[in-house]
N, C-alpha and C. Protein backbone atom coordinates (compact mmCIF):
# COMPACT_ATOMS: atom_id res chain seq x y z
N MET A 1 0.80 -1.24 0.09
CA MET A 1 -0.01 0.03 0.05
C MET A 1 0.94 1.25 0.07
N ASP A 2 0.52 2.12 -0.74
CA ASP A 2 1.19 3.57 -0.80
C ASP A 2 1.17 4.13 0.53
N SER A 3 2.29 4.54 1.08
CA SER A 3 2.54 5.11 2.41
C SER A 3 1.72 6.41 2.56
N GLN A 4 1.55 7.20 1.46
CA GLN A 4 0.85 8.51 1.55
C GLN A 4 -0.74 8.23 1.72
N LEU A 5 -1.22 7.16 0.98
CA LEU A 5 -2.55 6.83 1.06
C LEU A 5 -2.87 6.29 2.42
N GLU A 6 -2.06 5.44 2.95
CA GLU A 6 -2.14 4.75 4.21
C GLU A 6 -2.25 5.89 5.37
N GLY A 7 -1.26 6.88 5.32
CA GLY A 7 -1.44 7.91 6.21
C GLY A 7 -2.70 8.79 6.27
N PHE A 8 -3.10 9.04 4.88
CA PHE A 8 -4.28 9.68 4.75
C PHE A 8 -5.49 9.03 5.36
N LEU A 9 -5.69 7.73 4.97
CA LEU A 9 -6.76 6.93 5.64
C LEU A 9 -6.66 6.73 7.13
N ASN A 10 -5.54 6.60 7.75
CA ASN A 10 -5.29 6.47 9.04
C ASN A 10 -5.62 7.76 9.82
N SER A 11 -5.23 9.02 9.19
CA SER A 11 -5.50 10.07 9.84
C SER A 11 -7.08 10.42 9.88
N LEU A 12 -7.71 10.07 8.87
CA LEU A 12 -9.19 10.10 8.90
C LEU A 12 -9.86 9.27 9.89
N ALA A 13 -9.27 8.06 10.02
CA ALA A 13 -9.73 7.17 10.94
C ALA A 13 -9.63 7.55 12.39
N GLU A 14 -8.50 8.31 12.62
CA GLU A 14 -8.17 8.93 13.98
C GLU A 14 -9.08 9.88 14.24
N ALA A 15 -9.40 10.79 13.13
CA ALA A 15 -10.29 11.99 13.41
C ALA A 15 -11.71 11.20 13.56
N GLU A 16 -12.21 10.29 12.87
CA GLU A 16 -13.45 9.77 13.13
C GLU A 16 -13.64 9.15 14.50
N ARG A 17 -12.61 8.51 14.99
CA ARG A 17 -12.68 7.95 16.31
C ARG A 17 -12.78 9.08 17.41
N ALA A 18 -12.02 10.12 17.14
CA ALA A 18 -12.20 11.35 18.00
C ALA A 18 -13.60 11.80 17.99
N GLY A 19 -14.11 11.90 16.82
CA GLY A 19 -15.50 12.36 16.61
C GLY A 19 -16.58 11.52 17.43
N GLY A 20 -16.37 10.26 17.26
CA GLY A 20 -17.17 9.31 17.81
C GLY A 20 -17.16 9.41 19.51
N ARG A 21 -16.02 9.72 19.92
CA ARG A 21 -15.81 9.78 21.37
C ARG A 21 -16.41 11.18 22.06
N VAL A 22 -16.08 12.16 21.13
CA VAL A 22 -16.82 13.48 21.34
C VAL A 22 -18.15 13.50 21.38
N LEU A 23 -18.79 12.75 20.37
CA LEU A 23 -20.28 12.82 20.10
C LEU A 23 -20.96 11.96 21.30
N HIS A 24 -20.22 11.01 21.91
CA HIS A 24 -20.73 10.25 23.03
C HIS A 24 -20.78 11.24 24.33
N GLU A 25 -19.81 12.04 24.33
CA GLU A 25 -19.77 13.06 25.40
C GLU A 25 -20.96 14.08 25.28
N LEU A 26 -20.98 14.57 23.99
CA LEU A 26 -21.90 15.59 23.87
C LEU A 26 -23.32 15.22 24.01
N THR A 27 -23.69 13.79 23.57
CA THR A 27 -25.00 13.36 23.67
C THR A 27 -25.44 13.31 25.05
N GLU A 28 -24.56 13.16 26.06
CA GLU A 28 -24.80 13.25 27.48
C GLU A 28 -25.19 14.63 27.91
N LEU A 29 -24.66 15.67 27.33
CA LEU A 29 -24.86 17.08 27.71
C LEU A 29 -26.12 17.69 27.17
N ALA A 30 -26.68 16.93 26.10
CA ALA A 30 -27.89 17.51 25.25
C ALA A 30 -29.02 17.53 26.11
N HIS A 31 -29.78 18.67 26.22
CA HIS A 31 -30.96 18.67 27.01
C HIS A 31 -32.26 18.18 26.23
N SER A 32 -32.15 18.49 24.88
CA SER A 32 -33.32 18.07 23.94
C SER A 32 -33.18 16.58 23.60
N LEU A 33 -34.20 15.88 23.72
CA LEU A 33 -34.35 14.46 23.32
C LEU A 33 -34.00 14.35 21.94
N GLU A 34 -34.55 15.29 21.07
CA GLU A 34 -34.47 15.27 19.60
C GLU A 34 -32.92 15.44 19.20
N LEU A 35 -32.12 16.26 19.99
CA LEU A 35 -30.76 16.54 19.83
C LEU A 35 -29.93 15.35 20.11
N ARG A 36 -30.34 14.88 21.21
CA ARG A 36 -29.67 13.51 21.71
C ARG A 36 -29.68 12.48 20.73
N GLU A 37 -30.80 12.28 20.14
CA GLU A 37 -30.97 11.14 19.18
C GLU A 37 -30.12 11.53 17.92
N MET A 38 -30.17 12.70 17.41
CA MET A 38 -29.38 13.06 16.31
C MET A 38 -27.96 13.00 16.57
N LEU A 39 -27.46 13.35 17.75
CA LEU A 39 -26.13 13.16 18.01
C LEU A 39 -25.66 11.69 18.17
N LYS A 40 -26.49 10.88 18.61
CA LYS A 40 -26.28 9.50 18.79
C LYS A 40 -26.07 8.90 17.27
N LYS A 41 -26.91 9.35 16.34
CA LYS A 41 -26.84 8.85 14.90
C LYS A 41 -25.72 9.36 14.39
N VAL A 42 -25.09 10.53 14.55
CA VAL A 42 -23.85 11.12 14.10
C VAL A 42 -22.74 10.28 14.63
N GLY A 43 -22.82 9.98 16.00
CA GLY A 43 -21.87 9.25 16.61
C GLY A 43 -21.74 7.83 16.01
N HIS A 44 -22.80 7.25 15.80
CA HIS A 44 -22.77 6.00 15.05
C HIS A 44 -22.07 5.97 13.77
N ASP A 45 -22.41 7.02 12.91
CA ASP A 45 -21.77 7.22 11.56
C ASP A 45 -20.33 7.34 11.76
N GLU A 46 -19.84 8.18 12.80
CA GLU A 46 -18.39 8.18 13.08
C GLU A 46 -17.72 6.82 13.24
N GLY A 47 -18.38 6.00 14.04
CA GLY A 47 -17.78 4.80 14.38
C GLY A 47 -17.77 3.82 13.24
N TYR A 48 -18.74 4.00 12.40
CA TYR A 48 -18.78 3.11 11.19
C TYR A 48 -17.68 3.67 10.16
N TYR A 49 -17.69 4.87 9.94
CA TYR A 49 -16.60 5.27 9.12
C TYR A 49 -15.09 4.96 9.58
N ALA A 50 -14.90 5.09 10.73
CA ALA A 50 -13.55 4.59 11.41
C ALA A 50 -13.30 3.11 11.09
N GLY A 51 -14.31 2.29 11.31
CA GLY A 51 -14.21 0.83 11.11
C GLY A 51 -14.08 0.55 9.67
N GLU A 52 -14.64 1.18 8.72
CA GLU A 52 -14.60 0.87 7.43
C GLU A 52 -13.26 1.43 6.78
N LEU A 53 -12.71 2.59 7.38
CA LEU A 53 -11.48 2.99 6.91
C LEU A 53 -10.30 1.97 7.32
N ALA A 54 -10.45 1.48 8.46
CA ALA A 54 -9.46 0.47 8.93
C ALA A 54 -9.53 -0.84 8.06
N SER A 55 -10.69 -1.12 7.72
CA SER A 55 -10.91 -2.23 6.69
C SER A 55 -10.35 -2.11 5.47
N HIS A 56 -10.45 -0.81 4.94
CA HIS A 56 -9.89 -0.61 3.62
C HIS A 56 -8.32 -0.52 3.59
N VAL A 57 -7.82 -0.06 4.87
CA VAL A 57 -6.35 -0.02 4.92
C VAL A 57 -5.75 -1.44 5.03
N ARG A 58 -6.52 -2.31 5.79
CA ARG A 58 -6.10 -3.63 5.78
C ARG A 58 -6.13 -4.36 4.42
N ARG A 59 -7.34 -4.11 3.78
CA ARG A 59 -7.63 -4.80 2.44
C ARG A 59 -6.50 -4.29 1.42
N LEU A 60 -6.02 -3.20 1.55
CA LEU A 60 -4.95 -2.75 0.69
C LEU A 60 -3.64 -2.96 1.10
N GLY A 61 -3.46 -3.75 2.26
CA GLY A 61 -2.10 -4.21 2.44
C GLY A 61 -1.35 -3.29 3.59
N GLY A 62 -2.17 -2.34 4.18
CA GLY A 62 -1.47 -1.33 5.06
C GLY A 62 -1.89 -1.86 6.63
N ILE A 63 -1.37 -1.07 7.42
CA ILE A 63 -1.61 -1.27 8.88
C ILE A 63 -2.53 -0.11 9.47
N PRO A 64 -3.66 -0.57 9.86
CA PRO A 64 -4.46 0.53 10.34
C PRO A 64 -4.19 1.15 11.80
N SER A 65 -4.22 2.38 11.90
CA SER A 65 -3.94 2.96 13.18
C SER A 65 -4.94 2.78 14.20
N THR A 66 -4.66 2.59 15.44
CA THR A 66 -5.60 2.43 16.49
C THR A 66 -5.60 3.74 17.36
N LYS A 67 -5.09 4.78 16.97
CA LYS A 67 -5.03 6.01 17.65
C LYS A 67 -6.26 6.90 17.65
N THR A 68 -6.46 7.71 18.53
CA THR A 68 -7.66 8.70 18.45
C THR A 68 -7.04 10.05 18.37
N GLY A 69 -7.58 10.82 17.46
CA GLY A 69 -7.14 12.10 17.12
C GLY A 69 -7.28 13.04 18.35
N ASP A 70 -6.66 14.15 18.37
CA ASP A 70 -6.55 15.23 19.49
C ASP A 70 -7.82 16.10 19.34
N PHE A 71 -8.76 15.81 18.63
CA PHE A 71 -10.02 16.75 18.50
C PHE A 71 -10.86 16.48 19.73
N VAL A 72 -10.67 15.36 20.48
CA VAL A 72 -11.30 15.17 21.57
C VAL A 72 -11.06 16.30 22.71
N GLU A 73 -9.63 16.64 22.89
CA GLU A 73 -9.37 17.57 23.69
C GLU A 73 -9.52 19.00 23.33
N LYS A 74 -9.65 19.28 21.98
CA LYS A 74 -10.14 20.55 21.41
C LYS A 74 -11.53 20.81 21.80
N ILE A 75 -12.48 19.81 21.65
CA ILE A 75 -13.82 20.00 22.00
C ILE A 75 -13.99 20.17 23.57
N ARG A 76 -13.37 19.34 24.42
CA ARG A 76 -13.34 19.60 25.73
C ARG A 76 -12.88 21.00 26.32
N ALA A 77 -12.03 21.54 25.51
CA ALA A 77 -11.51 22.85 25.90
C ALA A 77 -12.45 23.94 25.68
N VAL A 78 -13.59 23.82 24.91
CA VAL A 78 -14.57 24.73 24.67
C VAL A 78 -15.46 24.72 25.85
N GLY A 79 -15.79 26.03 26.43
CA GLY A 79 -16.58 26.22 27.49
C GLY A 79 -17.98 26.08 27.48
N ASP A 80 -18.48 26.37 26.33
CA ASP A 80 -19.99 26.17 26.23
C ASP A 80 -20.51 25.17 25.18
N PHE A 81 -21.70 24.62 25.46
CA PHE A 81 -22.18 23.48 24.68
C PHE A 81 -22.42 23.80 23.28
N ARG A 82 -22.99 25.06 22.86
CA ARG A 82 -23.11 25.53 21.48
C ARG A 82 -21.71 25.54 20.88
N GLY A 83 -20.73 26.16 21.50
CA GLY A 83 -19.50 26.24 20.99
C GLY A 83 -18.74 24.85 20.71
N LYS A 84 -19.13 23.95 21.44
CA LYS A 84 -18.67 22.50 21.25
C LYS A 84 -19.36 22.04 19.98
N LEU A 85 -20.64 22.21 19.71
CA LEU A 85 -21.27 21.72 18.67
C LEU A 85 -20.80 22.41 17.41
N GLU A 86 -20.58 23.84 17.42
CA GLU A 86 -19.98 24.50 16.25
C GLU A 86 -18.70 24.04 15.97
N LEU A 87 -17.72 23.78 16.82
CA LEU A 87 -16.51 23.14 16.63
C LEU A 87 -16.62 21.78 15.98
N LEU A 88 -17.55 20.95 16.51
CA LEU A 88 -17.77 19.64 15.99
C LEU A 88 -18.12 19.75 14.34
N ASN A 89 -18.90 20.74 14.09
CA ASN A 89 -19.11 20.79 12.56
C ASN A 89 -18.04 21.42 11.86
N ARG A 90 -17.22 22.18 12.45
CA ARG A 90 -15.98 22.67 11.70
C ARG A 90 -15.04 21.34 11.54
N GLY A 91 -14.93 20.51 12.49
CA GLY A 91 -14.25 19.27 12.34
C GLY A 91 -14.81 18.31 11.16
N GLN A 92 -16.15 18.36 11.06
CA GLN A 92 -16.79 17.46 10.07
C GLN A 92 -16.59 18.11 8.59
N ARG A 93 -16.40 19.46 8.65
CA ARG A 93 -16.05 20.11 7.53
C ARG A 93 -14.53 19.90 6.97
N TRP A 94 -13.79 19.66 7.98
CA TRP A 94 -12.31 19.41 7.63
C TRP A 94 -12.28 17.97 7.02
N VAL A 95 -13.02 17.02 7.52
CA VAL A 95 -12.93 15.71 6.94
C VAL A 95 -13.38 15.77 5.55
N ILE A 96 -14.55 16.54 5.20
CA ILE A 96 -14.87 16.59 3.81
C ILE A 96 -13.73 17.13 2.95
N ARG A 97 -13.32 18.30 3.45
CA ARG A 97 -12.23 18.90 2.62
C ARG A 97 -10.97 17.95 2.43
N LYS A 98 -10.72 17.27 3.33
CA LYS A 98 -9.51 16.29 3.18
C LYS A 98 -9.89 15.19 2.19
N ILE A 99 -11.09 14.77 2.19
CA ILE A 99 -11.49 13.69 1.43
C ILE A 99 -11.57 14.36 -0.08
N GLU A 100 -12.11 15.51 -0.34
CA GLU A 100 -12.11 16.20 -1.65
C GLU A 100 -10.78 16.42 -2.10
N GLU A 101 -9.81 16.69 -1.22
CA GLU A 101 -8.36 17.06 -1.82
C GLU A 101 -7.77 15.77 -2.10
N ASN A 102 -8.03 14.70 -1.64
CA ASN A 102 -7.41 13.43 -1.79
C ASN A 102 -8.09 12.36 -2.78
N VAL A 103 -9.27 12.47 -2.94
CA VAL A 103 -10.09 11.40 -3.57
C VAL A 103 -9.75 11.38 -5.06
N PRO A 104 -9.29 12.49 -5.63
CA PRO A 104 -8.81 12.39 -7.04
C PRO A 104 -7.60 11.56 -7.28
N THR A 105 -6.90 11.27 -6.31
CA THR A 105 -5.59 10.51 -6.49
C THR A 105 -5.87 9.09 -6.02
N VAL A 106 -7.09 8.70 -5.56
CA VAL A 106 -7.35 7.24 -5.18
C VAL A 106 -7.61 6.57 -6.40
N SER A 107 -6.93 5.43 -6.68
CA SER A 107 -7.10 4.74 -7.81
C SER A 107 -7.97 3.50 -7.49
N ASP A 108 -8.15 3.06 -6.33
CA ASP A 108 -9.02 1.85 -5.98
C ASP A 108 -10.35 2.32 -5.86
N ALA A 109 -11.16 1.61 -6.83
CA ALA A 109 -12.59 2.18 -7.02
C ALA A 109 -13.46 1.96 -5.94
N GLN A 110 -13.33 0.85 -5.17
CA GLN A 110 -14.09 0.57 -3.98
C GLN A 110 -13.87 1.62 -2.82
N LEU A 111 -12.53 2.01 -2.68
CA LEU A 111 -12.21 3.05 -1.63
C LEU A 111 -12.78 4.37 -2.15
N LYS A 112 -12.64 4.68 -3.35
CA LYS A 112 -13.01 6.02 -3.85
C LYS A 112 -14.69 6.10 -3.55
N ALA A 113 -15.26 5.04 -3.92
CA ALA A 113 -16.69 5.12 -3.53
C ALA A 113 -17.06 5.28 -2.21
N PHE A 114 -16.33 4.55 -1.41
CA PHE A 114 -16.57 4.81 0.05
C PHE A 114 -16.37 6.20 0.52
N LEU A 115 -15.30 6.78 0.00
CA LEU A 115 -14.86 8.05 0.50
C LEU A 115 -15.90 9.01 0.06
N VAL A 116 -16.44 8.91 -1.19
CA VAL A 116 -17.44 9.90 -1.74
C VAL A 116 -18.67 9.76 -0.81
N VAL A 117 -19.20 8.63 -0.45
CA VAL A 117 -20.23 8.31 0.38
C VAL A 117 -20.01 8.86 1.73
N MET A 118 -18.75 8.64 2.27
CA MET A 118 -18.45 9.29 3.65
C MET A 118 -18.50 10.77 3.67
N ALA A 119 -17.97 11.44 2.63
CA ALA A 119 -18.06 12.87 2.58
C ALA A 119 -19.64 13.34 2.47
N GLU A 120 -20.34 12.57 1.71
CA GLU A 120 -21.71 13.01 1.65
C GLU A 120 -22.44 12.84 3.00
N GLY A 121 -22.22 11.69 3.72
CA GLY A 121 -22.77 11.40 4.97
C GLY A 121 -22.29 12.60 5.99
N HIS A 122 -21.21 13.13 5.93
CA HIS A 122 -20.73 14.13 6.70
C HIS A 122 -21.49 15.42 6.35
N ARG A 123 -21.78 15.67 5.02
CA ARG A 123 -22.65 16.97 4.65
C ARG A 123 -24.02 16.85 5.34
N VAL A 124 -24.59 15.64 5.31
CA VAL A 124 -25.88 15.42 5.76
C VAL A 124 -25.91 15.76 7.32
N ASN A 125 -24.93 15.13 8.00
CA ASN A 125 -24.76 15.42 9.39
C ASN A 125 -24.59 16.86 9.76
N ILE A 126 -23.71 17.61 8.98
CA ILE A 126 -23.49 19.00 9.36
C ILE A 126 -24.84 19.71 9.03
N GLY A 127 -25.49 19.37 7.95
CA GLY A 127 -26.75 20.03 7.75
C GLY A 127 -27.79 19.93 8.73
N ALA A 128 -27.81 18.79 9.41
CA ALA A 128 -28.72 18.41 10.61
C ALA A 128 -28.45 19.28 11.70
N LEU A 129 -27.17 19.32 12.06
CA LEU A 129 -26.66 19.86 13.36
C LEU A 129 -26.82 21.41 13.04
N ASP A 130 -26.58 21.91 11.87
CA ASP A 130 -26.57 23.40 11.53
C ASP A 130 -28.19 23.93 11.91
N GLU A 131 -29.03 23.03 11.37
CA GLU A 131 -30.59 23.16 11.59
C GLU A 131 -30.75 23.40 13.03
N LYS A 132 -30.36 22.43 13.82
CA LYS A 132 -30.66 22.52 15.35
C LYS A 132 -30.02 23.80 15.84
N LEU A 133 -28.92 24.10 15.43
CA LEU A 133 -28.33 25.29 15.98
C LEU A 133 -29.10 26.55 15.56
N LYS A 134 -29.54 26.52 14.47
CA LYS A 134 -30.33 27.76 13.79
C LYS A 134 -31.59 27.81 14.65
N GLU A 135 -32.18 26.64 14.89
CA GLU A 135 -33.53 26.61 15.66
C GLU A 135 -33.40 26.85 17.16
N GLY A 136 -31.96 26.85 17.56
CA GLY A 136 -31.80 27.09 19.04
C GLY A 136 -32.01 25.90 19.93
N ILE A 137 -32.00 24.68 19.25
CA ILE A 137 -32.31 23.35 19.94
C ILE A 137 -30.89 22.87 20.41
N VAL A 138 -30.29 23.53 21.40
CA VAL A 138 -29.06 23.04 21.91
C VAL A 138 -29.21 22.96 23.50
């Protein structure tokens, strides 16, 4: 496996694991049941993406990282719940940007298709959370 691709996929997986951990913590802080359910769903997605990324790394002959990104500490450092949610969406946008920057160089069709779907899933989750923030349901 190409080391640059392996590094890219592992960095995404580390970010997704961090997102999953953060979402678990944020779900506990949510006062609205609707927001809790949405955050649980987004957290589930993060876990799914992390697992799939590791599977692709293995399938392509690489070694998947088991690390968790530093995003957890960045979210914890934010004082207010709304600010944590806004930072969460910035992190989701970072994932989309990284996928868009790298997907043109991915030659494996299965991996490329997964990354496109993953980016779209992040767009959906960003939109849902942005809507809750706009409605003031935090």
